[in-house]
Protein backbone atom coordinates (compact mmCIF):
# COMPACT_ATOMS: atom_id res chain seq x y z
CA MET A 1 40.31 55.63 -30.27
CA ASN A 2 37.13 57.65 -30.55
CA PRO A 3 36.09 58.54 -26.97
CA ASP A 4 32.49 57.78 -27.93
CA THR A 5 33.29 54.14 -28.68
CA LEU A 6 34.17 51.25 -26.38
CA ALA A 7 36.94 48.77 -26.88
CA PHE A 8 35.85 45.19 -27.46
CA PRO A 9 36.63 43.99 -23.90
CA GLU A 10 34.39 46.78 -22.55
CA ILE A 11 31.57 45.84 -24.90
CA ALA A 12 31.97 42.19 -23.93
CA ALA A 13 31.69 43.16 -20.26
CA VAL A 14 28.46 45.09 -20.94
CA ILE A 15 27.05 42.19 -22.94
CA ALA A 16 27.88 39.79 -20.09
CA ARG A 17 26.00 42.07 -17.70
CA VAL A 18 22.83 42.80 -19.73
CA LYS A 19 22.65 39.29 -21.31
CA PRO A 20 20.90 40.12 -24.65
CA ARG A 21 18.32 37.54 -25.61
CA PHE A 22 19.28 38.11 -29.23
CA LEU A 23 22.64 36.42 -28.60
CA GLU A 24 21.40 33.47 -26.55
CA GLY A 25 22.53 30.07 -27.66
CA LEU A 26 25.60 31.31 -29.52
CA ALA A 27 29.05 30.06 -28.65
CA PRO A 28 31.42 32.66 -27.18
CA GLU A 29 33.40 32.82 -30.40
CA GLU A 30 30.18 33.32 -32.41
CA VAL A 31 29.12 36.14 -30.09
CA LYS A 32 32.47 37.76 -30.60
CA ILE A 33 32.04 37.63 -34.40
CA VAL A 34 28.51 39.10 -34.22
CA LEU A 35 29.61 41.92 -31.94
CA ALA A 36 32.68 42.71 -34.02
CA ALA A 37 30.41 43.20 -37.06
CA ALA A 38 28.41 45.95 -35.32
CA LYS A 39 29.07 49.65 -35.27
CA GLN A 40 28.58 51.83 -32.19
CA ARG A 41 26.35 54.84 -32.01
CA ARG A 42 25.52 57.24 -29.20
CA TYR A 43 22.34 59.28 -29.07
CA LEU A 44 21.31 62.18 -26.88
CA ALA A 45 18.12 61.97 -24.84
CA ASN A 46 14.91 62.47 -26.84
CA SER A 47 16.51 61.43 -30.12
CA VAL A 48 14.44 59.55 -32.68
CA VAL A 49 16.50 56.56 -33.74
CA ILE A 50 13.91 54.87 -35.99
CA ASN A 51 11.04 56.46 -37.90
CA GLN A 52 7.95 54.47 -38.73
CA GLY A 53 7.48 54.03 -42.44
CA HIS A 54 11.17 54.37 -43.21
CA PRO A 55 13.06 51.44 -44.77
CA ALA A 56 14.12 48.89 -42.16
CA ASP A 57 17.82 49.17 -42.92
CA TYR A 58 19.32 48.80 -39.41
CA LEU A 59 19.03 46.58 -36.37
CA PHE A 60 19.88 48.09 -32.98
CA LEU A 61 20.82 46.68 -29.58
CA LEU A 62 20.53 48.92 -26.51
CA LEU A 63 23.77 48.74 -24.51
CA ALA A 64 23.09 51.66 -22.16
CA GLY A 65 20.43 54.29 -21.68
CA ARG A 66 16.69 54.06 -22.15
CA ALA A 67 14.39 53.87 -25.17
CA ARG A 68 10.76 53.26 -26.10
CA TYR A 69 8.57 52.67 -29.10
CA PHE A 70 5.96 55.14 -30.28
CA PHE A 71 3.55 55.53 -33.15
CA ILE A 72 2.22 58.60 -34.96
CA THR A 73 -1.48 58.19 -35.74
CA PRO A 74 -3.03 59.39 -39.01
CA ASP A 75 -4.25 62.54 -37.21
CA ALA A 76 -0.64 63.26 -36.08
CA ARG A 77 -0.99 62.21 -32.46
CA LYS A 78 1.92 60.53 -30.74
CA THR A 79 0.97 57.26 -29.08
CA LEU A 80 3.53 55.79 -26.67
CA LEU A 81 4.07 52.04 -26.85
CA LEU A 82 6.39 49.60 -25.12
CA TRP A 83 9.74 50.31 -23.46
CA VAL A 84 13.00 48.82 -24.75
CA PRO A 85 14.86 47.09 -21.89
CA LEU A 86 18.65 47.17 -21.69
CA GLY A 87 20.17 44.45 -23.84
CA GLU A 88 17.11 44.25 -26.10
CA ILE A 89 17.07 44.72 -29.86
CA PHE A 90 14.79 46.95 -31.88
CA GLY A 91 14.41 47.42 -35.61
CA SER A 92 14.33 43.64 -36.08
CA ALA A 93 12.50 44.09 -39.41
CA ALA A 94 16.01 44.55 -40.80
CA ILE A 95 16.51 40.78 -40.49
CA VAL A 96 13.65 40.02 -42.89
CA PRO A 97 15.11 39.12 -46.32
CA LYS A 98 12.50 41.14 -48.19
CA PRO A 99 13.00 44.89 -47.64
CA ILE A 100 10.16 46.29 -45.57
CA ALA A 101 9.44 49.42 -43.55
CA TYR A 102 9.55 49.95 -39.79
CA LEU A 103 6.07 49.66 -38.25
CA THR A 104 6.82 51.98 -35.34
CA SER A 105 9.30 54.66 -34.31
CA THR A 106 11.84 54.35 -31.47
CA GLU A 107 13.24 57.18 -29.40
CA THR A 108 15.77 57.49 -26.63
CA MET A 109 14.62 58.79 -23.24
CA LYS A 110 18.17 59.17 -21.86
CA PRO A 111 21.60 59.42 -23.48
CA SER A 112 21.99 55.99 -25.01
CA HIS A 113 24.72 53.78 -26.43
CA LEU A 114 23.72 51.35 -29.19
CA LEU A 115 25.22 48.61 -31.28
CA VAL A 116 24.05 48.78 -34.90
CA TRP A 117 24.09 46.30 -37.76
CA ASP A 118 23.07 47.35 -41.29
CA ARG A 119 20.69 45.17 -43.28
CA ALA A 120 23.37 43.45 -45.38
CA THR A 121 25.53 42.65 -42.36
CA ILE A 122 22.78 41.28 -40.15
CA GLY A 123 21.44 39.29 -43.07
CA GLN A 124 24.81 37.61 -43.58
CA LEU A 125 25.11 36.92 -39.87
CA ALA A 126 21.59 35.49 -39.70
CA ALA A 127 22.35 33.16 -42.61
CA ARG A 128 25.55 32.02 -40.84
CA TYR A 129 23.94 31.75 -37.39
CA PRO A 130 20.24 30.75 -37.70
CA ARG A 131 19.90 31.02 -33.92
CA LEU A 132 19.82 34.82 -34.37
CA VAL A 133 16.62 34.50 -36.41
CA ALA A 134 15.10 32.12 -33.87
CA ASN A 135 15.95 34.52 -31.04
CA ALA A 136 14.41 37.46 -32.94
CA LEU A 137 11.23 35.42 -33.48
CA LEU A 138 11.06 34.55 -29.78
CA ILE A 139 11.49 38.21 -28.86
CA GLY A 140 8.69 39.14 -31.28
CA PHE A 141 6.53 36.40 -29.73
CA ASP A 142 7.08 37.89 -26.28
CA TYR A 143 5.94 41.28 -27.56
CA MET A 144 2.78 39.64 -28.89
CA VAL A 145 2.20 38.06 -25.46
CA GLY A 146 2.68 41.48 -23.89
CA TYR A 147 0.17 43.11 -26.20
CA ARG A 148 -2.30 40.29 -25.58
CA SER A 149 -1.95 40.81 -21.83
CA LEU A 150 -2.36 44.56 -22.30
CA HIS A 151 -5.53 44.06 -24.33
CA VAL A 152 -6.97 41.73 -21.72
CA ALA A 153 -6.07 44.22 -18.97
CA MET A 154 -7.80 47.05 -20.81
CA THR A 155 -11.02 45.03 -21.13
CA CYS A 156 -11.05 43.04 -17.87
CA GLN A 157 -9.14 45.00 -15.22
CA ASN A 158 -9.92 48.19 -13.36
CA ALA A 159 -7.63 51.23 -13.30
CA ARG A 160 -6.02 50.21 -10.01
CA GLN A 161 -5.12 46.73 -11.29
CA ARG A 162 -3.87 48.04 -14.64
CA LEU A 163 -1.56 50.57 -13.02
CA ALA A 164 -0.19 48.02 -10.56
CA ASN A 165 0.51 45.46 -13.29
CA VAL A 166 2.21 48.05 -15.48
CA LEU A 167 4.36 49.24 -12.57
CA VAL A 168 5.41 45.67 -11.66
CA SER A 169 6.10 44.80 -15.29
CA LEU A 170 8.30 47.86 -15.87
CA ALA A 171 10.10 47.46 -12.57
CA THR A 172 10.84 43.82 -13.35
CA GLY A 173 12.07 44.62 -16.84
CA MET A 174 13.91 47.91 -16.35
CA GLY A 175 14.26 48.49 -12.63
CA ARG A 176 17.40 48.37 -10.48
CA GLU A 177 17.62 46.05 -7.49
CA THR A 178 18.38 47.95 -4.29
CA ALA A 179 18.40 47.08 -0.62
CA GLY A 180 14.93 48.57 -0.23
CA GLY A 181 13.31 47.13 -3.35
CA ILE A 182 13.32 47.82 -7.08
CA GLU A 183 13.98 51.38 -8.20
CA LEU A 184 12.46 52.56 -11.47
CA ASP A 185 13.05 55.83 -13.29
CA ILE A 186 9.62 56.85 -14.55
CA LYS A 187 7.24 59.76 -14.34
CA ASN A 188 3.59 59.67 -13.34
CA GLU A 189 2.56 60.73 -16.85
CA GLU A 190 4.51 57.85 -18.40
CA LEU A 191 2.91 55.32 -16.07
CA ALA A 192 -0.51 56.77 -16.73
CA ASN A 193 -0.04 56.40 -20.47
CA GLU A 194 1.11 52.79 -20.14
CA ALA A 195 -1.88 51.87 -17.96
CA ASN A 196 -4.42 53.92 -19.92
CA VAL A 197 -5.43 56.02 -16.90
CA THR A 198 -5.36 59.75 -16.34
CA PRO A 199 -2.26 61.33 -14.75
CA PHE A 200 -4.51 62.39 -11.85
CA THR A 201 -5.58 58.79 -11.26
CA ALA A 202 -1.98 57.56 -11.45
CA SER A 203 -0.82 60.22 -8.95
CA ARG A 204 -3.69 59.44 -6.57
CA LEU A 205 -3.07 55.68 -6.61
CA LEU A 206 0.69 56.04 -6.24
CA SER A 207 0.20 58.34 -3.25
CA GLU A 208 -2.23 55.81 -1.72
CA TRP A 209 0.26 52.96 -2.19
CA GLN A 210 3.02 55.08 -0.74
CA ARG A 211 0.95 55.73 2.37
CA GLY A 212 0.44 51.97 2.62
CA GLY A 213 4.19 51.34 2.51
CA LEU A 214 4.11 49.50 -0.80
CA LEU A 215 6.37 51.98 -2.56
CA VAL A 216 8.27 55.21 -2.17
CA LYS A 217 7.70 57.95 -4.75
CA ASN A 218 10.25 60.65 -5.53
CA ARG A 219 10.54 63.06 -8.44
CA GLY A 220 10.91 60.90 -11.54
CA LYS A 221 11.61 57.75 -9.49
CA ILE A 222 9.61 55.04 -7.79
CA LEU A 223 10.98 52.49 -5.32
CA LEU A 224 8.76 49.45 -5.41
CA ARG A 225 9.17 47.65 -2.09
CA SER A 226 7.33 44.47 -3.00
CA ALA A 227 5.92 43.52 -6.39
CA GLU A 228 4.01 40.59 -4.88
CA GLY A 229 2.63 42.79 -2.13
CA LEU A 230 1.32 45.36 -4.59
CA LEU A 231 -0.32 42.81 -6.84
CA SER A 232 -1.88 41.11 -3.84
CA HIS A 233 -3.14 44.47 -2.59
CA VAL A 234 -4.94 45.36 -5.82
CA ALA A 235 -6.40 41.86 -6.17
CA ASP A 236 -8.49 42.31 -3.05
């Protein structure tokens, strides 16, 4: 067996742990069929998996690692968008019957392990199991809710509230539960970009919250002691 691939029982164990929303509502035997139809791919950190504007020929599911969306503006600037949580799909345009292009790009931030379905395969599976299409629509709806919340935050919240809400959202979606709180692998610059604040402002606020005991900041990591406490603090 290729050392870069996992045997089915190992994949099934990962799926049971990350609980992909894309597979919700399927019977165990149906999940097995969908997983068996996928190929496995591994990517190094900082690899571009999807390029905006390219044909949407593949659907991906993140088994391990870390990824995020980004967009290249007409003046060639890279704009960072949402993160891809473990167990989430990206490239869902591949499910659409009419061939279309990817709207955004996706890159890995850490070495990542993905399941991949080509357009023909996922189309056949979607026709056989309509719940896959419904799940993809619900995931897309949640992204729309997220962007709506982000737009409201940008227009109605101050920098302190925006940064706190982004930190809590990312910690909830991608953090690791520990005895002391939720640990999140993220840099100040990444948080600043998500909250639309300067890196200086992000660093200043994080240091302030650390002094107040709300979090612990280390190089490339943040331990959020209490999400509720932080949100309550910035609401004052």
